[in-house]
Amino acid sequence: MTERIGRFQHFFIEKKEHDRLTLLSEVIKADHERAALFKILLAKRPEVLSVKVDDQTGRVSIKLADMDIEPVYSALETILSNIEKKPRVKAKLESPQQFDQLKELSLLVEGMSCPACAALIEIAFKRLPTVKDVDADLDSKRVRILGQLSNDEAILLIEKLGYTHIVEDQ
């Protein structure tokens, strides 16, 4: 079967190497929620070993198992066409004064055990108008939040999502 390289309906292949594929997609560009959903769904594919998504640029790097690439292209089209149907979340309007007193919080979270858990936590915090940025690191079980949010407010949201805050020794 001939390998298709280049432009597809929902993505453009930037680079194809032996076991790596780099692509660009307008569907996930500048939309953290769409990018998180895409990463979760793609990572479930048996031929996909790892996925890195830059939601600001829409660039995706995929490490693949050594197998036929055509099913991967088909899966990418299917996933992206379905995600495209999800309405975009409106960007938060940030005034210059809105984030003039930023505070960084760092919380250990019990129960965050998969990429979907980390994505859910990031999405929930990014929806808050008082949060500028958030990173949920699955390996360390640590959530870092940058914004105007108290420790108690952050812990409350973590618990509402079904996770437990781990109190660290001071």
N, C-alpha and C. Protein backbone atom coordinates (compact mmCIF):
# COMPACT_ATOMS: atom_id res chain seq x y z
N MET A 1 0.84 -1.18 0.00
CA MET A 1 0.00 0.00 0.00
C MET A 1 0.89 1.25 0.00
N THR A 2 0.53 2.22 -0.79
CA THR A 2 1.30 3.46 -0.89
C THR A 2 1.01 4.34 0.32
N GLU A 3 2.07 4.90 0.89
CA GLU A 3 1.93 5.79 2.04
C GLU A 3 1.54 7.19 1.58
N ARG A 4 0.52 7.76 2.19
CA ARG A 4 0.11 9.13 1.88
C ARG A 4 0.89 10.08 2.79
N ILE A 5 1.59 11.00 2.22
CA ILE A 5 2.32 11.99 3.00
C ILE A 5 1.83 13.36 2.56
N GLY A 6 1.65 14.25 3.50
CA GLY A 6 1.25 15.61 3.16
C GLY A 6 -0.03 16.01 3.83
N ARG A 7 -0.95 16.58 3.05
CA ARG A 7 -2.17 17.18 3.60
C ARG A 7 -3.32 16.19 3.60
N PHE A 8 -4.03 16.18 4.71
CA PHE A 8 -5.26 15.42 4.87
C PHE A 8 -6.35 16.43 5.19
N GLN A 9 -7.55 15.99 5.37
CA GLN A 9 -8.63 16.93 5.62
C GLN A 9 -8.45 17.68 6.94
N HIS A 10 -7.99 16.99 8.01
CA HIS A 10 -7.92 17.61 9.33
C HIS A 10 -6.51 17.79 9.87
N PHE A 11 -5.50 17.40 9.11
CA PHE A 11 -4.12 17.57 9.57
C PHE A 11 -3.16 17.58 8.38
N PHE A 12 -1.97 18.07 8.64
CA PHE A 12 -0.90 18.11 7.66
C PHE A 12 0.32 17.42 8.27
N ILE A 13 0.91 16.48 7.54
CA ILE A 13 2.09 15.79 8.04
C ILE A 13 3.31 16.66 7.77
N GLU A 14 3.94 17.05 8.85
CA GLU A 14 5.12 17.89 8.77
C GLU A 14 6.37 17.05 8.54
N LYS A 15 6.46 15.90 9.25
CA LYS A 15 7.63 15.04 9.13
C LYS A 15 7.25 13.61 9.44
N LYS A 16 7.78 12.68 8.65
CA LYS A 16 7.56 11.25 8.88
C LYS A 16 8.92 10.56 8.89
N GLU A 17 9.24 9.95 10.02
CA GLU A 17 10.47 9.17 10.13
C GLU A 17 10.05 7.73 10.37
N HIS A 18 11.02 6.86 10.62
CA HIS A 18 10.74 5.43 10.79
C HIS A 18 9.63 5.17 11.80
N ASP A 19 9.79 5.64 13.02
CA ASP A 19 8.79 5.36 14.06
C ASP A 19 8.19 6.64 14.65
N ARG A 20 8.37 7.76 13.99
CA ARG A 20 7.85 9.04 14.49
C ARG A 20 7.10 9.79 13.39
N LEU A 21 6.05 10.44 13.84
CA LEU A 21 5.22 11.23 12.94
C LEU A 21 4.99 12.58 13.60
N THR A 22 5.22 13.66 12.87
CA THR A 22 4.95 15.01 13.36
C THR A 22 3.91 15.63 12.44
N LEU A 23 2.85 16.14 13.04
CA LEU A 23 1.79 16.71 12.22
C LEU A 23 1.29 18.01 12.83
N LEU A 24 0.57 18.77 12.04
CA LEU A 24 -0.07 20.02 12.46
C LEU A 24 -1.57 19.89 12.21
N SER A 25 -2.37 20.40 13.14
CA SER A 25 -3.82 20.38 12.97
C SER A 25 -4.44 21.67 13.50
N GLU A 26 -5.22 22.31 12.66
CA GLU A 26 -5.95 23.51 13.07
C GLU A 26 -7.08 23.16 14.04
N VAL A 27 -7.53 21.92 14.03
CA VAL A 27 -8.64 21.50 14.88
C VAL A 27 -8.29 21.66 16.36
N ILE A 28 -7.05 21.37 16.73
CA ILE A 28 -6.65 21.43 18.14
C ILE A 28 -5.83 22.68 18.49
N LYS A 29 -5.49 23.46 17.48
CA LYS A 29 -4.67 24.65 17.70
C LYS A 29 -5.40 25.66 18.58
N ALA A 30 -4.69 26.13 19.63
CA ALA A 30 -5.20 27.16 20.54
C ALA A 30 -6.47 26.72 21.28
N ASP A 31 -6.64 25.41 21.48
CA ASP A 31 -7.80 24.91 22.22
C ASP A 31 -7.32 23.76 23.12
N HIS A 32 -7.06 24.10 24.37
CA HIS A 32 -6.50 23.12 25.31
C HIS A 32 -7.41 21.91 25.48
N GLU A 33 -8.71 22.12 25.55
CA GLU A 33 -9.63 21.01 25.76
C GLU A 33 -9.65 20.06 24.58
N ARG A 34 -9.71 20.60 23.38
CA ARG A 34 -9.67 19.74 22.19
C ARG A 34 -8.35 18.97 22.14
N ALA A 35 -7.24 19.65 22.43
CA ALA A 35 -5.93 19.00 22.39
C ALA A 35 -5.84 17.88 23.43
N ALA A 36 -6.37 18.11 24.62
CA ALA A 36 -6.34 17.09 25.67
C ALA A 36 -7.17 15.88 25.27
N LEU A 37 -8.35 16.10 24.72
CA LEU A 37 -9.18 15.00 24.25
C LEU A 37 -8.48 14.21 23.15
N PHE A 38 -7.87 14.92 22.22
CA PHE A 38 -7.16 14.28 21.12
C PHE A 38 -6.03 13.38 21.66
N LYS A 39 -5.27 13.92 22.59
CA LYS A 39 -4.15 13.16 23.16
C LYS A 39 -4.64 11.88 23.86
N ILE A 40 -5.70 12.00 24.63
CA ILE A 40 -6.25 10.85 25.35
C ILE A 40 -6.73 9.78 24.37
N LEU A 41 -7.50 10.18 23.37
CA LEU A 41 -8.05 9.22 22.42
C LEU A 41 -6.96 8.57 21.57
N LEU A 42 -5.98 9.34 21.15
CA LEU A 42 -4.91 8.79 20.32
C LEU A 42 -4.02 7.84 21.12
N ALA A 43 -3.76 8.18 22.37
CA ALA A 43 -2.89 7.34 23.21
C ALA A 43 -3.48 5.96 23.46
N LYS A 44 -4.79 5.80 23.29
CA LYS A 44 -5.43 4.50 23.49
C LYS A 44 -5.20 3.54 22.33
N ARG A 45 -4.72 4.04 21.21
CA ARG A 45 -4.49 3.19 20.03
C ARG A 45 -3.28 2.29 20.27
N PRO A 46 -3.37 1.00 19.92
CA PRO A 46 -2.27 0.07 20.18
C PRO A 46 -0.99 0.40 19.41
N GLU A 47 -1.12 1.03 18.25
CA GLU A 47 0.07 1.35 17.46
C GLU A 47 0.77 2.62 17.92
N VAL A 48 0.16 3.36 18.85
CA VAL A 48 0.72 4.61 19.36
C VAL A 48 1.43 4.35 20.68
N LEU A 49 2.75 4.59 20.70
CA LEU A 49 3.55 4.38 21.91
C LEU A 49 3.56 5.61 22.81
N SER A 50 3.59 6.80 22.21
CA SER A 50 3.55 8.04 22.99
C SER A 50 3.06 9.18 22.10
N VAL A 51 2.50 10.20 22.77
CA VAL A 51 1.95 11.36 22.06
C VAL A 51 2.33 12.62 22.83
N LYS A 52 2.82 13.62 22.12
CA LYS A 52 3.06 14.94 22.69
C LYS A 52 2.28 15.95 21.85
N VAL A 53 1.51 16.80 22.54
CA VAL A 53 0.66 17.76 21.85
C VAL A 53 0.99 19.16 22.34
N ASP A 54 1.23 20.07 21.41
CA ASP A 54 1.40 21.49 21.74
C ASP A 54 0.11 22.18 21.32
N ASP A 55 -0.74 22.48 22.30
CA ASP A 55 -2.05 23.05 21.97
C ASP A 55 -1.97 24.49 21.47
N GLN A 56 -0.86 25.15 21.67
CA GLN A 56 -0.74 26.53 21.16
C GLN A 56 -0.52 26.54 19.65
N THR A 57 0.28 25.60 19.15
CA THR A 57 0.60 25.57 17.72
C THR A 57 -0.18 24.53 16.94
N GLY A 58 -0.78 23.55 17.64
CA GLY A 58 -1.46 22.46 16.97
C GLY A 58 -0.50 21.38 16.48
N ARG A 59 0.74 21.41 16.96
CA ARG A 59 1.76 20.43 16.55
C ARG A 59 1.65 19.19 17.43
N VAL A 60 1.71 18.03 16.78
CA VAL A 60 1.60 16.75 17.47
C VAL A 60 2.78 15.87 17.06
N SER A 61 3.46 15.29 18.06
CA SER A 61 4.54 14.33 17.80
C SER A 61 4.07 12.98 18.32
N ILE A 62 4.16 11.99 17.46
CA ILE A 62 3.67 10.65 17.80
C ILE A 62 4.79 9.64 17.59
N LYS A 63 5.03 8.81 18.61
CA LYS A 63 5.95 7.70 18.47
C LYS A 63 5.11 6.46 18.22
N LEU A 64 5.42 5.73 17.15
CA LEU A 64 4.60 4.62 16.71
C LEU A 64 5.31 3.28 16.85
N ALA A 65 4.52 2.24 17.06
CA ALA A 65 5.05 0.88 16.98
C ALA A 65 5.33 0.62 15.50
N ASP A 66 6.18 -0.30 15.22
CA ASP A 66 6.56 -0.60 13.84
C ASP A 66 5.44 -1.39 13.15
N MET A 67 4.51 -0.67 12.54
CA MET A 67 3.41 -1.32 11.84
C MET A 67 2.92 -0.42 10.71
N ASP A 68 1.93 -0.89 9.98
CA ASP A 68 1.36 -0.16 8.85
C ASP A 68 0.85 1.21 9.30
N ILE A 69 1.21 2.24 8.57
CA ILE A 69 0.87 3.60 8.94
C ILE A 69 -0.55 3.99 8.51
N GLU A 70 -1.12 3.32 7.52
CA GLU A 70 -2.44 3.69 7.01
C GLU A 70 -3.54 3.69 8.09
N PRO A 71 -3.59 2.69 8.99
CA PRO A 71 -4.61 2.76 10.05
C PRO A 71 -4.43 3.97 10.98
N VAL A 72 -3.19 4.41 11.14
CA VAL A 72 -2.92 5.59 11.97
C VAL A 72 -3.49 6.83 11.30
N TYR A 73 -3.27 6.98 9.99
CA TYR A 73 -3.83 8.12 9.27
C TYR A 73 -5.35 8.12 9.37
N SER A 74 -5.95 6.95 9.22
CA SER A 74 -7.40 6.83 9.31
C SER A 74 -7.89 7.20 10.71
N ALA A 75 -7.20 6.71 11.74
CA ALA A 75 -7.57 7.04 13.12
C ALA A 75 -7.43 8.53 13.39
N LEU A 76 -6.36 9.15 12.89
CA LEU A 76 -6.17 10.59 13.07
C LEU A 76 -7.34 11.37 12.46
N GLU A 77 -7.71 11.01 11.25
CA GLU A 77 -8.84 11.69 10.58
C GLU A 77 -10.13 11.52 11.37
N THR A 78 -10.39 10.30 11.82
CA THR A 78 -11.62 10.03 12.56
C THR A 78 -11.67 10.80 13.87
N ILE A 79 -10.59 10.73 14.63
CA ILE A 79 -10.54 11.42 15.93
C ILE A 79 -10.68 12.92 15.74
N LEU A 80 -9.91 13.49 14.82
CA LEU A 80 -9.95 14.94 14.61
C LEU A 80 -11.30 15.40 14.05
N SER A 81 -11.93 14.62 13.19
CA SER A 81 -13.23 15.04 12.66
C SER A 81 -14.29 15.04 13.75
N ASN A 82 -14.20 14.08 14.68
CA ASN A 82 -15.15 14.06 15.81
C ASN A 82 -14.88 15.19 16.79
N ILE A 83 -13.60 15.45 17.07
CA ILE A 83 -13.25 16.54 18.00
C ILE A 83 -13.65 17.89 17.41
N GLU A 84 -13.56 18.01 16.11
CA GLU A 84 -13.92 19.27 15.44
C GLU A 84 -15.38 19.64 15.72
N LYS A 85 -16.22 18.64 15.97
CA LYS A 85 -17.65 18.88 16.25
C LYS A 85 -17.87 19.47 17.64
N LYS A 86 -16.88 19.30 18.54
CA LYS A 86 -16.99 19.84 19.89
C LYS A 86 -16.83 21.36 19.81
N PRO A 87 -17.78 22.10 20.37
CA PRO A 87 -17.65 23.57 20.33
C PRO A 87 -16.38 24.03 21.03
N ARG A 88 -15.77 25.05 20.47
CA ARG A 88 -14.58 25.63 21.10
C ARG A 88 -14.97 26.37 22.36
N VAL A 89 -14.10 26.27 23.37
CA VAL A 89 -14.30 27.03 24.59
C VAL A 89 -13.83 28.45 24.31
N LYS A 90 -14.66 29.42 24.66
CA LYS A 90 -14.27 30.80 24.43
C LYS A 90 -13.07 31.16 25.28
N ALA A 91 -12.13 31.84 24.68
CA ALA A 91 -10.92 32.25 25.40
C ALA A 91 -11.28 33.25 26.50
N LYS A 92 -10.56 33.14 27.61
CA LYS A 92 -10.76 34.09 28.71
C LYS A 92 -10.21 35.45 28.29
N LEU A 93 -10.96 36.48 28.57
CA LEU A 93 -10.47 37.83 28.32
C LEU A 93 -9.63 38.26 29.52
N GLU A 94 -8.40 38.58 29.26
CA GLU A 94 -7.50 38.95 30.35
C GLU A 94 -7.20 40.44 30.28
N SER A 95 -7.56 41.14 31.33
CA SER A 95 -7.21 42.54 31.41
C SER A 95 -5.81 42.64 32.01
N PRO A 96 -5.08 43.71 31.76
CA PRO A 96 -3.73 43.83 32.32
C PRO A 96 -3.71 43.72 33.85
N GLN A 97 -4.79 44.17 34.51
CA GLN A 97 -4.82 44.12 35.96
C GLN A 97 -5.25 42.75 36.49
N GLN A 98 -5.87 41.94 35.63
CA GLN A 98 -6.46 40.69 36.09
C GLN A 98 -5.44 39.78 36.78
N PHE A 99 -4.25 39.70 36.23
CA PHE A 99 -3.25 38.79 36.78
C PHE A 99 -2.03 39.54 37.31
N ASP A 100 -2.25 40.70 37.92
CA ASP A 100 -1.10 41.45 38.41
C ASP A 100 -0.57 40.91 39.74
N GLN A 101 -1.32 40.09 40.43
CA GLN A 101 -0.86 39.49 41.69
C GLN A 101 -0.96 37.98 41.60
N LEU A 102 -0.15 37.40 40.72
CA LEU A 102 -0.19 35.96 40.53
C LEU A 102 0.47 35.23 41.68
N LYS A 103 -0.08 34.06 41.96
CA LYS A 103 0.46 33.21 43.00
C LYS A 103 0.57 31.82 42.41
N GLU A 104 1.68 31.13 42.72
CA GLU A 104 1.83 29.75 42.25
C GLU A 104 1.55 28.79 43.39
N LEU A 105 0.65 27.85 43.12
CA LEU A 105 0.32 26.80 44.08
C LEU A 105 0.87 25.49 43.54
N SER A 106 1.26 24.61 44.44
CA SER A 106 1.74 23.29 44.06
C SER A 106 1.11 22.27 45.01
N LEU A 107 0.33 21.36 44.46
CA LEU A 107 -0.40 20.39 45.27
C LEU A 107 -0.07 18.97 44.83
N LEU A 108 0.09 18.07 45.79
CA LEU A 108 0.20 16.65 45.48
C LEU A 108 -1.21 16.08 45.46
N VAL A 109 -1.50 15.26 44.44
CA VAL A 109 -2.85 14.76 44.24
C VAL A 109 -2.84 13.24 44.19
N GLU A 110 -3.63 12.63 45.06
CA GLU A 110 -3.78 11.18 45.07
C GLU A 110 -4.94 10.80 44.16
N GLY A 111 -4.74 9.75 43.36
CA GLY A 111 -5.79 9.28 42.47
C GLY A 111 -5.62 9.69 41.03
N MET A 112 -4.67 10.57 40.75
CA MET A 112 -4.38 10.98 39.37
C MET A 112 -3.48 9.89 38.78
N SER A 113 -4.11 8.95 38.05
CA SER A 113 -3.38 7.76 37.64
C SER A 113 -3.24 7.56 36.14
N CYS A 114 -3.82 8.44 35.33
CA CYS A 114 -3.72 8.26 33.88
C CYS A 114 -3.75 9.63 33.19
N PRO A 115 -3.42 9.67 31.90
CA PRO A 115 -3.45 10.95 31.19
C PRO A 115 -4.83 11.62 31.21
N ALA A 116 -5.89 10.82 31.23
CA ALA A 116 -7.24 11.41 31.28
C ALA A 116 -7.47 12.15 32.59
N CYS A 117 -6.94 11.59 33.69
CA CYS A 117 -7.07 12.25 35.00
C CYS A 117 -6.36 13.61 34.97
N ALA A 118 -5.12 13.61 34.48
CA ALA A 118 -4.35 14.86 34.41
C ALA A 118 -5.05 15.88 33.52
N ALA A 119 -5.57 15.42 32.38
CA ALA A 119 -6.27 16.33 31.46
C ALA A 119 -7.54 16.90 32.11
N LEU A 120 -8.28 16.07 32.83
CA LEU A 120 -9.50 16.54 33.50
C LEU A 120 -9.17 17.64 34.51
N ILE A 121 -8.12 17.44 35.29
CA ILE A 121 -7.72 18.44 36.29
C ILE A 121 -7.30 19.74 35.60
N GLU A 122 -6.48 19.63 34.55
CA GLU A 122 -6.04 20.84 33.82
C GLU A 122 -7.23 21.58 33.23
N ILE A 123 -8.15 20.85 32.60
CA ILE A 123 -9.32 21.48 31.98
C ILE A 123 -10.17 22.20 33.03
N ALA A 124 -10.40 21.56 34.16
CA ALA A 124 -11.22 22.17 35.21
C ALA A 124 -10.60 23.46 35.72
N PHE A 125 -9.29 23.46 35.96
CA PHE A 125 -8.65 24.68 36.45
C PHE A 125 -8.58 25.75 35.37
N LYS A 126 -8.31 25.39 34.12
CA LYS A 126 -8.20 26.38 33.05
C LYS A 126 -9.52 27.07 32.75
N ARG A 127 -10.62 26.46 33.16
CA ARG A 127 -11.93 27.08 32.96
C ARG A 127 -12.19 28.21 33.96
N LEU A 128 -11.43 28.25 35.04
CA LEU A 128 -11.63 29.29 36.06
C LEU A 128 -11.03 30.61 35.58
N PRO A 129 -11.77 31.70 35.71
CA PRO A 129 -11.24 33.00 35.27
C PRO A 129 -10.06 33.48 36.12
N THR A 130 -9.87 32.91 37.31
CA THR A 130 -8.78 33.33 38.19
C THR A 130 -7.51 32.52 37.97
N VAL A 131 -7.51 31.61 36.99
CA VAL A 131 -6.33 30.78 36.72
C VAL A 131 -5.74 31.15 35.37
N LYS A 132 -4.46 31.48 35.39
CA LYS A 132 -3.75 31.81 34.15
C LYS A 132 -3.16 30.57 33.50
N ASP A 133 -2.59 29.66 34.29
CA ASP A 133 -1.98 28.46 33.74
C ASP A 133 -2.02 27.34 34.77
N VAL A 134 -2.01 26.10 34.30
CA VAL A 134 -1.99 24.93 35.18
C VAL A 134 -1.25 23.80 34.48
N ASP A 135 -0.56 23.00 35.27
CA ASP A 135 0.13 21.82 34.74
C ASP A 135 -0.06 20.68 35.72
N ALA A 136 -0.67 19.60 35.27
CA ALA A 136 -0.85 18.40 36.09
C ALA A 136 0.16 17.37 35.60
N ASP A 137 1.16 17.09 36.42
CA ASP A 137 2.22 16.15 36.05
C ASP A 137 1.89 14.77 36.60
N LEU A 138 1.62 13.86 35.70
CA LEU A 138 1.20 12.51 36.07
C LEU A 138 2.27 11.75 36.83
N ASP A 139 3.52 11.89 36.42
CA ASP A 139 4.61 11.14 37.06
C ASP A 139 4.82 11.54 38.51
N SER A 140 4.82 12.83 38.78
CA SER A 140 5.07 13.30 40.15
C SER A 140 3.77 13.43 40.96
N LYS A 141 2.62 13.32 40.30
CA LYS A 141 1.30 13.49 40.93
C LYS A 141 1.12 14.91 41.46
N ARG A 142 1.85 15.86 40.86
CA ARG A 142 1.82 17.25 41.32
C ARG A 142 1.06 18.12 40.32
N VAL A 143 0.22 19.00 40.88
CA VAL A 143 -0.51 19.97 40.07
C VAL A 143 0.01 21.35 40.44
N ARG A 144 0.49 22.09 39.44
CA ARG A 144 0.98 23.44 39.65
C ARG A 144 -0.03 24.41 39.02
N ILE A 145 -0.43 25.39 39.79
CA ILE A 145 -1.45 26.33 39.36
C ILE A 145 -0.89 27.74 39.49
N LEU A 146 -1.03 28.53 38.43
CA LEU A 146 -0.61 29.93 38.45
C LEU A 146 -1.85 30.78 38.27
N GLY A 147 -2.12 31.63 39.25
CA GLY A 147 -3.30 32.48 39.16
C GLY A 147 -3.59 33.18 40.47
N GLN A 148 -4.83 33.57 40.62
CA GLN A 148 -5.30 34.23 41.83
C GLN A 148 -6.32 33.31 42.50
N LEU A 149 -5.80 32.26 43.09
CA LEU A 149 -6.62 31.22 43.68
C LEU A 149 -6.00 30.86 45.03
N SER A 150 -6.82 30.69 46.03
CA SER A 150 -6.29 30.29 47.34
C SER A 150 -6.02 28.80 47.35
N ASN A 151 -5.20 28.37 48.28
CA ASN A 151 -4.90 26.96 48.45
C ASN A 151 -6.19 26.18 48.72
N ASP A 152 -7.04 26.73 49.59
CA ASP A 152 -8.30 26.07 49.94
C ASP A 152 -9.22 25.92 48.72
N GLU A 153 -9.29 26.95 47.87
CA GLU A 153 -10.12 26.89 46.67
C GLU A 153 -9.61 25.80 45.72
N ALA A 154 -8.28 25.71 45.57
CA ALA A 154 -7.68 24.70 44.70
C ALA A 154 -7.96 23.30 45.23
N ILE A 155 -7.80 23.10 46.53
CA ILE A 155 -8.05 21.80 47.15
C ILE A 155 -9.52 21.41 46.99
N LEU A 156 -10.42 22.37 47.16
CA LEU A 156 -11.85 22.11 47.01
C LEU A 156 -12.17 21.61 45.59
N LEU A 157 -11.58 22.24 44.59
CA LEU A 157 -11.81 21.82 43.20
C LEU A 157 -11.25 20.41 42.97
N ILE A 158 -10.05 20.14 43.48
CA ILE A 158 -9.45 18.81 43.36
C ILE A 158 -10.40 17.76 43.95
N GLU A 159 -10.95 18.06 45.11
CA GLU A 159 -11.85 17.11 45.77
C GLU A 159 -13.19 16.98 45.04
N LYS A 160 -13.70 18.08 44.46
CA LYS A 160 -14.94 18.00 43.68
C LYS A 160 -14.76 17.12 42.45
N LEU A 161 -13.54 17.05 41.94
CA LEU A 161 -13.26 16.21 40.77
C LEU A 161 -13.07 14.74 41.16
N GLY A 162 -13.05 14.46 42.47
CA GLY A 162 -12.94 13.08 42.92
C GLY A 162 -11.54 12.64 43.32
N TYR A 163 -10.64 13.58 43.47
CA TYR A 163 -9.27 13.27 43.84
C TYR A 163 -9.01 13.73 45.28
N THR A 164 -7.88 13.34 45.83
CA THR A 164 -7.54 13.70 47.20
C THR A 164 -6.25 14.50 47.22
N HIS A 165 -6.26 15.60 47.96
CA HIS A 165 -5.04 16.37 48.17
C HIS A 165 -4.20 15.70 49.23
N ILE A 166 -2.92 15.51 48.95
CA ILE A 166 -2.00 14.91 49.91
C ILE A 166 -1.28 16.03 50.64
N VAL A 167 -1.47 16.10 51.95
CA VAL A 167 -0.81 17.14 52.74
C VAL A 167 0.66 16.77 52.89
N GLU A 168 1.53 17.72 52.53
CA GLU A 168 2.97 17.48 52.62
C GLU A 168 3.49 17.96 53.97
N ASP A 169 4.51 17.27 54.47
CA ASP A 169 5.17 17.73 55.69
C ASP A 169 5.87 19.04 55.41
N GLN A 170 5.74 19.96 56.32
CA GLN A 170 6.36 21.28 56.14
C GLN A 170 7.82 21.26 56.54
